[in-house]
Amino acid sequence: MDNSDIFSIRPGEVNDANGQLAQLADRVRRVLDAEALNLTVEPSARDEVSQRVASTLNDVHTSFTKASDRGLRQIQDVAGNVRTHTDRVVAADEGQAV
């Protein structure tokens, strides 16, 4: 039975999409790094409320940064896995040992 019509990919298109995914992760990283100072809150006064508000907002920023770092690592992992599997499919199609 010929299985060539069951699974088919266009490696060039997959690599293009994968490159765009990696570029997206890089762009998000650059924006987050560039905006880090703008997202750091200084208390507007020395009173307890101002201190607490600034501290809470900075805690939220820290938490968001950690979560976004995990997300970016996952995007990079996906891009790496897609690249590896695409290379293996191409190698298999060309009759090379995988």
PDB file of N, CA and C in Angstrom:
ATOM      1  N   MET A   1       0.837  -1.177   0.000  1.00  0.00           N
ATOM      2  CA  MET A   1       0.000   0.000   0.000  1.00  0.00           C
ATOM      3  C   MET A   1       0.882   1.241   0.000  1.00  0.00           C
ATOM      4  N   ASP A   2       0.582   2.187  -0.855  1.00  0.00           N
ATOM      5  CA  ASP A   2       1.332   3.430  -0.956  1.00  0.00           C
ATOM      6  C   ASP A   2       0.815   4.405   0.101  1.00  0.00           C
ATOM      7  N   ASN A   3       1.680   4.783   1.027  1.00  0.00           N
ATOM      8  CA  ASN A   3       1.294   5.692   2.110  1.00  0.00           C
ATOM      9  C   ASN A   3       1.662   7.137   1.838  1.00  0.00           C
ATOM     10  N   SER A   4       2.122   7.442   0.650  1.00  0.00           N
ATOM     11  CA  SER A   4       2.590   8.789   0.367  1.00  0.00           C
ATOM     12  C   SER A   4       1.480   9.827   0.429  1.00  0.00           C
ATOM     13  N   ASP A   5       0.228   9.419   0.261  1.00  0.00           N
ATOM     14  CA  ASP A   5      -0.864  10.387   0.305  1.00  0.00           C
ATOM     15  C   ASP A   5      -1.433  10.560   1.710  1.00  0.00           C
ATOM     16  N   ILE A   6      -0.943   9.802   2.683  1.00  0.00           N
ATOM     17  CA  ILE A   6      -1.470   9.880   4.044  1.00  0.00           C
ATOM     18  C   ILE A   6      -0.827  11.029   4.810  1.00  0.00           C
ATOM     19  N   PHE A   7       0.460  11.164   4.710  1.00  0.00           N
ATOM     20  CA  PHE A   7       1.182  12.197   5.449  1.00  0.00           C
ATOM     21  C   PHE A   7       2.067  12.953   4.488  1.00  0.00           C
ATOM     22  N   SER A   8       1.869  14.248   4.454  1.00  0.00           N
ATOM     23  CA  SER A   8       2.651  15.053   3.530  1.00  0.00           C
ATOM     24  C   SER A   8       2.932  16.410   4.162  1.00  0.00           C
ATOM     25  N   ILE A   9       4.163  16.844   4.066  1.00  0.00           N
ATOM     26  CA  ILE A   9       4.511  18.190   4.518  1.00  0.00           C
ATOM     27  C   ILE A   9       5.343  18.860   3.438  1.00  0.00           C
ATOM     28  N   ARG A  10       5.333  20.136   3.485  1.00  0.00           N
ATOM     29  CA  ARG A  10       6.196  20.927   2.617  1.00  0.00           C
ATOM     30  C   ARG A  10       7.272  21.520   3.526  1.00  0.00           C
ATOM     31  N   PRO A  11       8.439  20.907   3.553  1.00  0.00           N
ATOM     32  CA  PRO A  11       9.477  21.327   4.500  1.00  0.00           C
ATOM     33  C   PRO A  11       9.798  22.817   4.429  1.00  0.00           C
ATOM     34  N   GLY A  12       9.814  23.380   3.254  1.00  0.00           N
ATOM     35  CA  GLY A  12      10.105  24.805   3.121  1.00  0.00           C
ATOM     36  C   GLY A  12       9.079  25.661   3.842  1.00  0.00           C
ATOM     37  N   GLU A  13       7.808  25.307   3.689  1.00  0.00           N
ATOM     38  CA  GLU A  13       6.748  26.067   4.357  1.00  0.00           C
ATOM     39  C   GLU A  13       6.795  25.864   5.871  1.00  0.00           C
ATOM     40  N   VAL A  14       7.076  24.637   6.282  1.00  0.00           N
ATOM     41  CA  VAL A  14       7.194  24.365   7.718  1.00  0.00           C
ATOM     42  C   VAL A  14       8.360  25.147   8.298  1.00  0.00           C
ATOM     43  N   ASN A  15       9.479  25.174   7.591  1.00  0.00           N
ATOM     44  CA  ASN A  15      10.636  25.931   8.063  1.00  0.00           C
ATOM     45  C   ASN A  15      10.355  27.427   8.102  1.00  0.00           C
ATOM     46  N   ASP A  16       9.614  27.932   7.115  1.00  0.00           N
ATOM     47  CA  ASP A  16       9.231  29.352   7.130  1.00  0.00           C
ATOM     48  C   ASP A  16       8.366  29.669   8.341  1.00  0.00           C
ATOM     49  N   ALA A  17       7.360  28.838   8.581  1.00  0.00           N
ATOM     50  CA  ALA A  17       6.472  29.042   9.736  1.00  0.00           C
ATOM     51  C   ALA A  17       7.263  28.929  11.030  1.00  0.00           C
ATOM     52  N   ASN A  18       8.175  27.979  11.071  1.00  0.00           N
ATOM     53  CA  ASN A  18       9.001  27.796  12.256  1.00  0.00           C
ATOM     54  C   ASN A  18       9.899  29.009  12.487  1.00  0.00           C
ATOM     55  N   GLY A  19      10.439  29.555  11.420  1.00  0.00           N
ATOM     56  CA  GLY A  19      11.249  30.767  11.528  1.00  0.00           C
ATOM     57  C   GLY A  19      10.437  31.942  12.044  1.00  0.00           C
ATOM     58  N   GLN A  20       9.190  32.037  11.576  1.00  0.00           N
ATOM     59  CA  GLN A  20       8.314  33.103  12.059  1.00  0.00           C
ATOM     60  C   GLN A  20       8.007  32.928  13.539  1.00  0.00           C
ATOM     61  N   LEU A  21       7.840  31.698  13.965  1.00  0.00           N
ATOM     62  CA  LEU A  21       7.592  31.406  15.376  1.00  0.00           C
ATOM     63  C   LEU A  21       8.792  31.829  16.222  1.00  0.00           C
ATOM     64  N   ALA A  22       9.978  31.511  15.779  1.00  0.00           N
ATOM     65  CA  ALA A  22      11.195  31.897  16.498  1.00  0.00           C
ATOM     66  C   ALA A  22      11.342  33.420  16.515  1.00  0.00           C
ATOM     67  N   GLN A  23      11.017  34.074  15.401  1.00  0.00           N
ATOM     68  CA  GLN A  23      11.084  35.534  15.354  1.00  0.00           C
ATOM     69  C   GLN A  23      10.080  36.172  16.310  1.00  0.00           C
ATOM     70  N   LEU A  24       8.901  35.576  16.412  1.00  0.00           N
ATOM     71  CA  LEU A  24       7.894  36.069  17.340  1.00  0.00           C
ATOM     72  C   LEU A  24       8.420  36.006  18.770  1.00  0.00           C
ATOM     73  N   ALA A  25       9.008  34.891  19.148  1.00  0.00           N
ATOM     74  CA  ALA A  25       9.567  34.749  20.496  1.00  0.00           C
ATOM     75  C   ALA A  25      10.655  35.790  20.738  1.00  0.00           C
ATOM     76  N   ASP A  26      11.515  36.006  19.753  1.00  0.00           N
ATOM     77  CA  ASP A  26      12.577  37.009  19.891  1.00  0.00           C
ATOM     78  C   ASP A  26      11.999  38.413  20.026  1.00  0.00           C
ATOM     79  N   ARG A  27      10.975  38.706  19.236  1.00  0.00           N
ATOM     80  CA  ARG A  27      10.352  40.030  19.279  1.00  0.00           C
ATOM     81  C   ARG A  27       9.680  40.276  20.630  1.00  0.00           C
ATOM     82  N   VAL A  28       8.981  39.267  21.139  1.00  0.00           N
ATOM     83  CA  VAL A  28       8.348  39.398  22.456  1.00  0.00           C
ATOM     84  C   VAL A  28       9.421  39.636  23.517  1.00  0.00           C
ATOM     85  N   ARG A  29      10.518  38.886  23.448  1.00  0.00           N
ATOM     86  CA  ARG A  29      11.609  39.065  24.416  1.00  0.00           C
ATOM     87  C   ARG A  29      12.165  40.482  24.368  1.00  0.00           C
ATOM     88  N   ARG A  30      12.398  41.001  23.163  1.00  0.00           N
ATOM     89  CA  ARG A  30      12.948  42.355  23.031  1.00  0.00           C
ATOM     90  C   ARG A  30      11.991  43.394  23.604  1.00  0.00           C
ATOM     91  N   VAL A  31      10.698  43.257  23.337  1.00  0.00           N
ATOM     92  CA  VAL A  31       9.716  44.211  23.852  1.00  0.00           C
ATOM     93  C   VAL A  31       9.667  44.155  25.377  1.00  0.00           C
ATOM     94  N   LEU A  32       9.625  42.957  25.927  1.00  0.00           N
ATOM     95  CA  LEU A  32       9.582  42.826  27.387  1.00  0.00           C
ATOM     96  C   LEU A  32      10.839  43.408  28.029  1.00  0.00           C
ATOM     97  N   ASP A  33      11.987  43.158  27.432  1.00  0.00           N
ATOM     98  CA  ASP A  33      13.229  43.717  27.969  1.00  0.00           C
ATOM     99  C   ASP A  33      13.241  45.239  27.864  1.00  0.00           C
ATOM    100  N   ALA A  34      12.787  45.760  26.718  1.00  0.00           N
ATOM    101  CA  ALA A  34      12.787  47.207  26.503  1.00  0.00           C
ATOM    102  C   ALA A  34      11.806  47.920  27.433  1.00  0.00           C
ATOM    103  N   GLU A  35      10.703  47.273  27.749  1.00  0.00           N
ATOM    104  CA  GLU A  35       9.669  47.914  28.563  1.00  0.00           C
ATOM    105  C   GLU A  35       9.811  47.641  30.059  1.00  0.00           C
ATOM    106  N   ALA A  36      10.794  46.859  30.442  1.00  0.00           N
ATOM    107  CA  ALA A  36      10.943  46.490  31.860  1.00  0.00           C
ATOM    108  C   ALA A  36      11.039  47.727  32.758  1.00  0.00           C
ATOM    109  N   LEU A  37      11.823  48.699  32.362  1.00  0.00           N
ATOM    110  CA  LEU A  37      11.952  49.902  33.186  1.00  0.00           C
ATOM    111  C   LEU A  37      10.642  50.687  33.249  1.00  0.00           C
ATOM    112  N   ASN A  38       9.918  50.714  32.137  1.00  0.00           N
ATOM    113  CA  ASN A  38       8.640  51.430  32.128  1.00  0.00           C
ATOM    114  C   ASN A  38       7.586  50.732  32.977  1.00  0.00           C
ATOM    115  N   LEU A  39       7.741  49.451  33.199  1.00  0.00           N
ATOM    116  CA  LEU A  39       6.767  48.688  33.965  1.00  0.00           C
ATOM    117  C   LEU A  39       7.136  48.568  35.443  1.00  0.00           C
ATOM    118  N   THR A  40       8.252  49.154  35.811  1.00  0.00           N
ATOM    119  CA  THR A  40       8.659  49.179  37.212  1.00  0.00           C
ATOM    120  C   THR A  40       8.074  50.433  37.840  1.00  0.00           C
ATOM    121  N   VAL A  41       7.332  50.245  38.928  1.00  0.00           N
ATOM    122  CA  VAL A  41       6.595  51.344  39.558  1.00  0.00           C
ATOM    123  C   VAL A  41       7.360  51.866  40.768  1.00  0.00           C
ATOM    124  N   GLU A  42       7.546  53.165  40.786  1.00  0.00           N
ATOM    125  CA  GLU A  42       8.115  53.838  41.950  1.00  0.00           C
ATOM    126  C   GLU A  42       6.954  54.400  42.759  1.00  0.00           C
ATOM    127  N   PRO A  43       7.002  54.283  44.072  1.00  0.00           N
ATOM    128  CA  PRO A  43       5.916  54.847  44.882  1.00  0.00           C
ATOM    129  C   PRO A  43       5.813  56.350  44.659  1.00  0.00           C
ATOM    130  N   SER A  44       4.588  56.844  44.611  1.00  0.00           N
ATOM    131  CA  SER A  44       4.387  58.274  44.375  1.00  0.00           C
ATOM    132  C   SER A  44       4.625  59.100  45.637  1.00  0.00           C
ATOM    133  N   ALA A  45       4.629  58.444  46.764  1.00  0.00           N
ATOM    134  CA  ALA A  45       4.886  59.120  48.040  1.00  0.00           C
ATOM    135  C   ALA A  45       5.451  58.100  49.024  1.00  0.00           C
ATOM    136  N   ARG A  46       5.718  58.564  50.239  1.00  0.00           N
ATOM    137  CA  ARG A  46       6.296  57.665  51.236  1.00  0.00           C
ATOM    138  C   ARG A  46       5.249  57.061  52.161  1.00  0.00           C
ATOM    139  N   ASP A  47       3.980  57.356  51.917  1.00  0.00           N
ATOM    140  CA  ASP A  47       2.932  56.800  52.768  1.00  0.00           C
ATOM    141  C   ASP A  47       2.755  55.316  52.487  1.00  0.00           C
ATOM    142  N   GLU A  48       2.089  54.636  53.426  1.00  0.00           N
ATOM    143  CA  GLU A  48       1.945  53.194  53.344  1.00  0.00           C
ATOM    144  C   GLU A  48       1.166  52.748  52.108  1.00  0.00           C
ATOM    145  N   VAL A  49       0.121  53.473  51.749  1.00  0.00           N
ATOM    146  CA  VAL A  49      -0.698  53.093  50.594  1.00  0.00           C
ATOM    147  C   VAL A  49       0.124  53.179  49.311  1.00  0.00           C
ATOM    148  N   SER A  50       0.835  54.252  49.123  1.00  0.00           N
ATOM    149  CA  SER A  50       1.662  54.407  47.920  1.00  0.00           C
ATOM    150  C   SER A  50       2.725  53.331  47.851  1.00  0.00           C
ATOM    151  N   GLN A  51       3.333  53.037  48.984  1.00  0.00           N
ATOM    152  CA  GLN A  51       4.353  51.983  49.033  1.00  0.00           C
ATOM    153  C   GLN A  51       3.751  50.630  48.680  1.00  0.00           C
ATOM    154  N   ARG A  52       2.574  50.353  49.255  1.00  0.00           N
ATOM    155  CA  ARG A  52       1.920  49.060  49.029  1.00  0.00           C
ATOM    156  C   ARG A  52       1.488  48.911  47.568  1.00  0.00           C
ATOM    157  N   VAL A  53       0.927  49.968  47.000  1.00  0.00           N
ATOM    158  CA  VAL A  53       0.494  49.914  45.596  1.00  0.00           C
ATOM    159  C   VAL A  53       1.687  49.653  44.689  1.00  0.00           C
ATOM    160  N   ALA A  54       2.774  50.378  44.895  1.00  0.00           N
ATOM    161  CA  ALA A  54       3.973  50.180  44.071  1.00  0.00           C
ATOM    162  C   ALA A  54       4.512  48.764  44.238  1.00  0.00           C
ATOM    163  N   SER A  55       4.537  48.287  45.466  1.00  0.00           N
ATOM    164  CA  SER A  55       5.034  46.940  45.728  1.00  0.00           C
ATOM    165  C   SER A  55       4.160  45.895  45.040  1.00  0.00           C
ATOM    166  N   THR A  56       2.854  46.064  45.133  1.00  0.00           N
ATOM    167  CA  THR A  56       1.934  45.103  44.500  1.00  0.00           C
ATOM    168  C   THR A  56       2.101  45.111  42.987  1.00  0.00           C
ATOM    169  N   LEU A  57       2.168  46.291  42.391  1.00  0.00           N
ATOM    170  CA  LEU A  57       2.341  46.368  40.935  1.00  0.00           C
ATOM    171  C   LEU A  57       3.676  45.770  40.503  1.00  0.00           C
ATOM    172  N   ASN A  58       4.713  45.978  41.277  1.00  0.00           N
ATOM    173  CA  ASN A  58       6.009  45.386  40.949  1.00  0.00           C
ATOM    174  C   ASN A  58       5.983  43.864  41.111  1.00  0.00           C
ATOM    175  N   ASP A  59       5.237  43.383  42.112  1.00  0.00           N
ATOM    176  CA  ASP A  59       5.078  41.933  42.263  1.00  0.00           C
ATOM    177  C   ASP A  59       4.348  41.333  41.062  1.00  0.00           C
ATOM    178  N   VAL A  60       3.329  42.039  40.586  1.00  0.00           N
ATOM    179  CA  VAL A  60       2.594  41.571  39.403  1.00  0.00           C
ATOM    180  C   VAL A  60       3.521  41.550  38.200  1.00  0.00           C
ATOM    181  N   HIS A  61       4.324  42.590  38.049  1.00  0.00           N
ATOM    182  CA  HIS A  61       5.276  42.642  36.931  1.00  0.00           C
ATOM    183  C   HIS A  61       6.264  41.489  37.013  1.00  0.00           C
ATOM    184  N   THR A  62       6.769  41.209  38.195  1.00  0.00           N
ATOM    185  CA  THR A  62       7.701  40.093  38.384  1.00  0.00           C
ATOM    186  C   THR A  62       7.052  38.764  38.027  1.00  0.00           C
ATOM    187  N   SER A  63       5.829  38.581  38.490  1.00  0.00           N
ATOM    188  CA  SER A  63       5.101  37.343  38.193  1.00  0.00           C
ATOM    189  C   SER A  63       4.849  37.202  36.691  1.00  0.00           C
ATOM    190  N   PHE A  64       4.446  38.308  36.052  1.00  0.00           N
ATOM    191  CA  PHE A  64       4.214  38.281  34.611  1.00  0.00           C
ATOM    192  C   PHE A  64       5.500  37.966  33.864  1.00  0.00           C
ATOM    193  N   THR A  65       6.606  38.533  34.299  1.00  0.00           N
ATOM    194  CA  THR A  65       7.895  38.288  33.650  1.00  0.00           C
ATOM    195  C   THR A  65       8.273  36.814  33.733  1.00  0.00           C
ATOM    196  N   LYS A  66       8.079  36.215  34.914  1.00  0.00           N
ATOM    197  CA  LYS A  66       8.389  34.789  35.066  1.00  0.00           C
ATOM    198  C   LYS A  66       7.502  33.940  34.164  1.00  0.00           C
ATOM    199  N   ALA A  67       6.214  34.259  34.121  1.00  0.00           N
ATOM    200  CA  ALA A  67       5.288  33.498  33.283  1.00  0.00           C
ATOM    201  C   ALA A  67       5.622  33.666  31.801  1.00  0.00           C
ATOM    202  N   SER A  68       5.932  34.887  31.395  1.00  0.00           N
ATOM    203  CA  SER A  68       6.260  35.112  29.982  1.00  0.00           C
ATOM    204  C   SER A  68       7.576  34.431  29.616  1.00  0.00           C
ATOM    205  N   ASP A  69       8.530  34.395  30.538  1.00  0.00           N
ATOM    206  CA  ASP A  69       9.789  33.678  30.281  1.00  0.00           C
ATOM    207  C   ASP A  69       9.526  32.191  30.051  1.00  0.00           C
ATOM    208  N   ARG A  70       8.650  31.611  30.878  1.00  0.00           N
ATOM    209  CA  ARG A  70       8.299  30.194  30.688  1.00  0.00           C
ATOM    210  C   ARG A  70       7.620  29.995  29.335  1.00  0.00           C
ATOM    211  N   GLY A  71       6.720  30.896  28.982  1.00  0.00           N
ATOM    212  CA  GLY A  71       6.032  30.795  27.698  1.00  0.00           C
ATOM    213  C   GLY A  71       6.991  30.921  26.521  1.00  0.00           C
ATOM    214  N   LEU A  72       7.930  31.841  26.625  1.00  0.00           N
ATOM    215  CA  LEU A  72       8.909  32.009  25.544  1.00  0.00           C
ATOM    216  C   LEU A  72       9.810  30.782  25.419  1.00  0.00           C
ATOM    217  N   ARG A  73      10.179  30.193  26.547  1.00  0.00           N
ATOM    218  CA  ARG A  73      10.972  28.959  26.480  1.00  0.00           C
ATOM    219  C   ARG A  73      10.168  27.848  25.814  1.00  0.00           C
ATOM    220  N   GLN A  74       8.888  27.787  26.099  1.00  0.00           N
ATOM    221  CA  GLN A  74       8.055  26.764  25.460  1.00  0.00           C
ATOM    222  C   GLN A  74       7.952  26.996  23.960  1.00  0.00           C
ATOM    223  N   ILE A  75       7.802  28.248  23.547  1.00  0.00           N
ATOM    224  CA  ILE A  75       7.755  28.556  22.112  1.00  0.00           C
ATOM    225  C   ILE A  75       9.072  28.138  21.461  1.00  0.00           C
ATOM    226  N   GLN A  76      10.185  28.441  22.113  1.00  0.00           N
ATOM    227  CA  GLN A  76      11.485  28.070  21.560  1.00  0.00           C
ATOM    228  C   GLN A  76      11.648  26.546  21.513  1.00  0.00           C
ATOM    229  N   ASP A  77      11.126  25.859  22.529  1.00  0.00           N
ATOM    230  CA  ASP A  77      11.167  24.390  22.518  1.00  0.00           C
ATOM    231  C   ASP A  77      10.340  23.827  21.364  1.00  0.00           C
ATOM    232  N   VAL A  78       9.158  24.395  21.156  1.00  0.00           N
ATOM    233  CA  VAL A  78       8.305  23.948  20.050  1.00  0.00           C
ATOM    234  C   VAL A  78       9.025  24.167  18.727  1.00  0.00           C
ATOM    235  N   ALA A  79       9.621  25.339  18.562  1.00  0.00           N
ATOM    236  CA  ALA A  79      10.339  25.635  17.322  1.00  0.00           C
ATOM    237  C   ALA A  79      11.478  24.633  17.108  1.00  0.00           C
ATOM    238  N   GLY A  80      12.197  24.315  18.174  1.00  0.00           N
ATOM    239  CA  GLY A  80      13.281  23.342  18.061  1.00  0.00           C
ATOM    240  C   GLY A  80      12.769  21.953  17.704  1.00  0.00           C
ATOM    241  N   ASN A  81      11.663  21.549  18.328  1.00  0.00           N
ATOM    242  CA  ASN A  81      11.085  20.244  18.025  1.00  0.00           C
ATOM    243  C   ASN A  81      10.570  20.170  16.595  1.00  0.00           C
ATOM    244  N   VAL A  82       9.924  21.220  16.144  1.00  0.00           N
ATOM    245  CA  VAL A  82       9.419  21.239  14.769  1.00  0.00           C
ATOM    246  C   VAL A  82      10.581  21.149  13.788  1.00  0.00           C
ATOM    247  N   ARG A  83      11.635  21.899  14.068  1.00  0.00           N
ATOM    248  CA  ARG A  83      12.813  21.872  13.187  1.00  0.00           C
ATOM    249  C   ARG A  83      13.415  20.463  13.140  1.00  0.00           C
ATOM    250  N   THR A  84      13.549  19.826  14.299  1.00  0.00           N
ATOM    251  CA  THR A  84      14.118  18.476  14.364  1.00  0.00           C
ATOM    252  C   THR A  84      13.256  17.478  13.603  1.00  0.00           C
ATOM    253  N   HIS A  85      11.952  17.528  13.838  1.00  0.00           N
ATOM    254  CA  HIS A  85      11.068  16.562  13.176  1.00  0.00           C
ATOM    255  C   HIS A  85      10.991  16.805  11.670  1.00  0.00           C
ATOM    256  N   THR A  86      11.012  18.054  11.267  1.00  0.00           N
ATOM    257  CA  THR A  86      11.007  18.357   9.832  1.00  0.00           C
ATOM    258  C   THR A  86      12.265  17.798   9.179  1.00  0.00           C
ATOM    259  N   ASP A  87      13.399  18.009   9.841  1.00  0.00           N
ATOM    260  CA  ASP A  87      14.658  17.474   9.306  1.00  0.00           C
ATOM    261  C   ASP A  87      14.601  15.950   9.199  1.00  0.00           C
ATOM    262  N   ARG A  88      13.986  15.303  10.195  1.00  0.00           N
ATOM    263  CA  ARG A  88      13.892  13.841  10.172  1.00  0.00           C
ATOM    264  C   ARG A  88      12.963  13.356   9.066  1.00  0.00           C
ATOM    265  N   VAL A  89      11.864  14.073   8.844  1.00  0.00           N
ATOM    266  CA  VAL A  89      10.941  13.685   7.769  1.00  0.00           C
ATOM    267  C   VAL A  89      11.635  13.847   6.423  1.00  0.00           C
ATOM    268  N   VAL A  90      12.364  14.928   6.247  1.00  0.00           N
ATOM    269  CA  VAL A  90      13.089  15.137   4.988  1.00  0.00           C
ATOM    270  C   VAL A  90      14.123  14.039   4.802  1.00  0.00           C
ATOM    271  N   ALA A  91      14.845  13.709   5.868  1.00  0.00           N
ATOM    272  CA  ALA A  91      15.863  12.648   5.775  1.00  0.00           C
ATOM    273  C   ALA A  91      15.209  11.313   5.427  1.00  0.00           C
ATOM    274  N   ALA A  92      14.058  11.023   6.037  1.00  0.00           N
ATOM    275  CA  ALA A  92      13.359   9.764   5.752  1.00  0.00           C
ATOM    276  C   ALA A  92      12.892   9.738   4.298  1.00  0.00           C
ATOM    277  N   ASP A  93      12.382  10.875   3.822  1.00  0.00           N
ATOM    278  CA  ASP A  93      11.937  10.948   2.427  1.00  0.00           C
ATOM    279  C   ASP A  93      13.085  10.745   1.453  1.00  0.00           C
ATOM    280  N   GLU A  94      14.282  11.161   1.868  1.00  0.00           N
ATOM    281  CA  GLU A  94      15.444  11.024   1.006  1.00  0.00           C
ATOM    282  C   GLU A  94      16.135   9.673   1.192  1.00  0.00           C
ATOM    283  N   GLY A  95      15.530   8.821   2.047  1.00  0.00           N
ATOM    284  CA  GLY A  95      16.049   7.476   2.233  1.00  0.00           C
ATOM    285  C   GLY A  95      17.236   7.387   3.143  1.00  0.00           C
ATOM    286  N   GLN A  96      17.482   8.432   3.916  1.00  0.00           N
ATOM    287  CA  GLN A  96      18.602   8.418   4.849  1.00  0.00           C
ATOM    288  C   GLN A  96      18.138   7.805   6.166  1.00  0.00           C
ATOM    289  N   ALA A  97      19.087   7.251   6.903  1.00  0.00           N
ATOM    290  CA  ALA A  97      18.779   6.711   8.230  1.00  0.00           C
ATOM    291  C   ALA A  97      18.432   7.858   9.171  1.00  0.00           C
ATOM    292  N   VAL A  98      17.385   7.638   9.958  1.00  0.00           N
ATOM    293  CA  VAL A  98      16.946   8.688  10.879  1.00  0.00           C
ATOM    294  C   VAL A  98      17.334   8.318  12.286  1.00  0.00           C
TER     295      VAL A  98
END
